[in-house]
C-alpha atoms as a PDB file:
ATOM      1  CA  MET A   1      91.172 130.187  89.426  1.00  0.00           C
ATOM      2  CA  VAL A   2      94.322 129.705  91.733  1.00  0.00           C
ATOM      3  CA  ALA A   3      93.018 126.678  93.525  1.00  0.00           C
ATOM      4  CA  HIS A   4      90.643 123.996  92.779  1.00  0.00           C
ATOM      5  CA  SER A   5      90.004 122.859  96.446  1.00  0.00           C
ATOM      6  CA  GLY A   6      86.271 123.867  97.066  1.00  0.00           C
ATOM      7  CA  GLY A   7      85.226 120.176  97.698  1.00  0.00           C
ATOM      8  CA  PRO A   8      86.415 119.680 101.337  1.00  0.00           C
ATOM      9  CA  PRO A   9      85.345 123.269 102.448  1.00  0.00           C
ATOM     10  CA  LEU A  10      82.019 122.757 100.896  1.00  0.00           C
ATOM     11  CA  ALA A  11      81.630 119.470 102.449  1.00  0.00           C
ATOM     12  CA  ILE A  12      82.610 120.699 105.860  1.00  0.00           C
ATOM     13  CA  TYR A  13      80.017 123.358 105.619  1.00  0.00           C
ATOM     14  CA  LEU A  14      77.143 121.253 104.107  1.00  0.00           C
ATOM     15  CA  LEU A  15      77.392 117.895 105.870  1.00  0.00           C
ATOM     16  CA  PRO A  16      76.691 119.035 109.536  1.00  0.00           C
ATOM     17  CA  LEU A  17      73.399 120.673 108.088  1.00  0.00           C
ATOM     18  CA  GLY A  18      72.034 117.254 107.621  1.00  0.00           C
ATOM     19  CA  LEU A  19      70.577 117.807 104.283  1.00  0.00           C
ATOM     20  CA  SER A  20      68.675 115.113 102.459  1.00  0.00           C
ATOM     21  CA  LYS A  21      70.961 113.271  99.891  1.00  0.00           C
ATOM     22  CA  ASP A  22      69.007 114.933  97.028  1.00  0.00           C
ATOM     23  CA  ILE A  23      69.542 118.483  98.314  1.00  0.00           C
ATOM     24  CA  TYR A  24      73.170 117.720  99.180  1.00  0.00           C
ATOM     25  CA  ALA A  25      73.909 116.304  95.752  1.00  0.00           C
ATOM     26  CA  GLY A  26      72.066 119.201  94.015  1.00  0.00           C
ATOM     27  CA  THR A  27      73.709 121.924  96.096  1.00  0.00           C
ATOM     28  CA  THR A  28      77.166 120.581  95.426  1.00  0.00           C
ATOM     29  CA  SER A  29      76.374 120.109  91.754  1.00  0.00           C
ATOM     30  CA  MET A  30      75.034 123.616  91.362  1.00  0.00           C
ATOM     31  CA  PHE A  31      77.851 125.314  93.305  1.00  0.00           C
ATOM     32  CA  PHE A  32      80.445 123.568  91.086  1.00  0.00           C
ATOM     33  CA  THR A  33      78.567 124.116  87.969  1.00  0.00           C
ATOM     34  CA  VAL A  34      78.393 127.997  88.502  1.00  0.00           C
ATOM     35  CA  GLY A  35      81.730 128.237  89.919  1.00  0.00           C
ATOM     36  CA  ASN A  36      83.406 126.417  86.908  1.00  0.00           C
ATOM     37  CA  ALA A  37      81.228 128.216  84.419  1.00  0.00           C
ATOM     38  CA  THR A  38      82.273 131.677  85.723  1.00  0.00           C
ATOM     39  CA  LYS A  39      86.020 130.607  85.468  1.00  0.00           C
ATOM     40  CA  ALA A  40      85.800 128.981  81.871  1.00  0.00           C
ATOM     41  CA  VAL A  41      85.947 132.374  79.839  1.00  0.00           C
ATOM     42  CA  PRO A  42      88.616 134.027  81.843  1.00  0.00           C
ATOM     43  CA  TRP A  43      90.739 130.847  82.011  1.00  0.00           C
ATOM     44  CA  LEU A  44      90.450 130.396  78.160  1.00  0.00           C
ATOM     45  CA  LEU A  45      91.410 134.260  77.699  1.00  0.00           C
ATOM     46  CA  LEU A  46      94.426 133.858  79.996  1.00  0.00           C
ATOM     47  CA  VAL A  47      95.801 130.389  78.870  1.00  0.00           C
ATOM     48  CA  LYS A  48      95.446 130.570  75.061  1.00  0.00           C
ATOM     49  CA  PRO A  49      94.987 126.755  74.743  1.00  0.00           C
ATOM     50  CA  THR A  50      96.986 124.801  72.245  1.00  0.00           C
ATOM     51  CA  ALA A  51      95.391 122.264  69.797  1.00  0.00           C
ATOM     52  CA  GLU A  52      96.674 119.275  72.014  1.00  0.00           C
ATOM     53  CA  LEU A  53      94.807 121.002  75.037  1.00  0.00           C
ATOM     54  CA  TRP A  54      91.539 121.440  73.042  1.00  0.00           C
ATOM     55  CA  GLU A  55      91.779 117.646  72.068  1.00  0.00           C
ATOM     56  CA  LEU A  56      92.217 116.799  75.811  1.00  0.00           C
ATOM     57  CA  MET A  57      89.266 118.910  76.770  1.00  0.00           C
ATOM     58  CA  ALA A  58      87.125 117.216  74.055  1.00  0.00           C
ATOM     59  CA  ILE A  59      88.154 113.727  75.259  1.00  0.00           C
ATOM     60  CA  CYS A  60      87.136 114.732  78.855  1.00  0.00           C
ATOM     61  CA  LEU A  61      83.833 116.036  77.655  1.00  0.00           C
ATOM     62  CA  LEU A  62      83.156 112.667  76.122  1.00  0.00           C
ATOM     63  CA  ALA A  63      83.727 111.130  79.527  1.00  0.00           C
ATOM     64  CA  ILE A  64      81.009 113.441  81.221  1.00  0.00           C
ATOM     65  CA  PRO A  65      77.960 111.364  80.323  1.00  0.00           C
ATOM     66  CA  SER A  66      79.231 108.048  81.780  1.00  0.00           C
ATOM     67  CA  ARG A  67      80.368 109.604  84.973  1.00  0.00           C
ATOM     68  CA  VAL A  68      76.978 111.480  85.352  1.00  0.00           C
ATOM     69  CA  SER A  69      75.276 108.192  84.847  1.00  0.00           C
ATOM     70  CA  LEU A  70      77.402 106.464  87.375  1.00  0.00           C
ATOM     71  CA  GLY A  71      76.808 109.090  89.856  1.00  0.00           C
ATOM     72  CA  TRP A  72      73.021 108.942  89.306  1.00  0.00           C
ATOM     73  CA  ARG A  73      73.055 105.109  89.782  1.00  0.00           C
ATOM     74  CA  LEU A  74      75.246 105.380  92.995  1.00  0.00           C
ATOM     75  CA  HIS A  75      72.931 108.185  94.310  1.00  0.00           C
ATOM     76  CA  GLY A  76      69.951 105.898  93.783  1.00  0.00           C
ATOM     77  CA  VAL A  77      71.534 102.809  95.416  1.00  0.00           C
ATOM     78  CA  LEU A  78      73.121 104.429  98.314  1.00  0.00           C
ATOM     79  CA  ASP A  79      71.095 105.528 101.272  1.00  0.00           C
ATOM     80  CA  GLN A  80      71.606 108.747 103.220  1.00  0.00           C
ATOM     81  CA  ARG A  81      73.645 107.267 105.874  1.00  0.00           C
ATOM     82  CA  GLN A  82      75.998 105.575 103.410  1.00  0.00           C
ATOM     83  CA  ILE A  83      76.562 108.773 101.435  1.00  0.00           C
ATOM     84  CA  TYR A  84      77.371 110.760 104.680  1.00  0.00           C
ATOM     85  CA  ARG A  85      79.871 108.144 105.765  1.00  0.00           C
ATOM     86  CA  ILE A  86      81.550 108.201 102.328  1.00  0.00           C
ATOM     87  CA  ARG A  87      81.767 111.960 102.396  1.00  0.00           C
ATOM     88  CA  TYR A  88      83.146 112.096 105.990  1.00  0.00           C
ATOM     89  CA  GLY A  89      85.534 109.386 105.124  1.00  0.00           C
ATOM     90  CA  LEU A  90      86.811 111.231 102.108  1.00  0.00           C
ATOM     91  CA  LEU A  91      87.233 114.184 104.256  1.00  0.00           C
ATOM     92  CA  VAL A  92      89.400 112.288 106.644  1.00  0.00           C
ATOM     93  CA  VAL A  93      91.573 111.007 103.852  1.00  0.00           C
ATOM     94  CA  THR A  94      91.957 114.568 102.485  1.00  0.00           C
ATOM     95  CA  ALA A  95      92.902 115.783 105.893  1.00  0.00           C
ATOM     96  CA  MET A  96      95.415 113.085 106.522  1.00  0.00           C
ATOM     97  CA  LYS A  97      96.939 113.996 102.863  1.00  0.00           C
ATOM     98  CA  LEU A  98      97.127 117.703 103.722  1.00  0.00           C
ATOM     99  CA  LEU A  99      98.619 116.953 107.018  1.00  0.00           C
ATOM    100  CA  TRP A 100     101.298 114.651 105.662  1.00  0.00           C
ATOM    101  CA  ASP A 101     102.183 117.186 102.874  1.00  0.00           C
ATOM    102  CA  GLY A 102     102.552 119.828 105.676  1.00  0.00           C
ATOM    103  CA  VAL A 103     104.719 117.541 108.030  1.00  0.00           C
ATOM    104  CA  SER A 104     106.891 116.366 105.107  1.00  0.00           C
ATOM    105  CA  GLY A 105     107.329 119.799 103.509  1.00  0.00           C
ATOM    106  CA  ASN A 106     105.609 118.686 100.232  1.00  0.00           C
ATOM    107  CA  LEU A 107     103.667 121.922  99.741  1.00  0.00           C
ATOM    108  CA  ALA A 108     103.543 122.432  96.037  1.00  0.00           C
END
């Protein structure tokens, strides 16, 4: 629960495997679903959310169906090569951001 940075390491592991876009998407979805579900109860026990935080979580829950729908549509439209290019591009952007933070001393 300390860091929420599993996306880049998981992508670095999965992308070279050359999985089909369906298996890649399903694997990442299940990985984060299980990971987040296992953190939910301990987080709620430690944090003691306020009424405002419960409201924010409810608003975020309302956004989930539209984002899932958008993801399904993009998954259907993009081919395997495009998805892999996008993922590698996002990894490059993430690496550049982390390098910049390290060089500039912005390690928060």
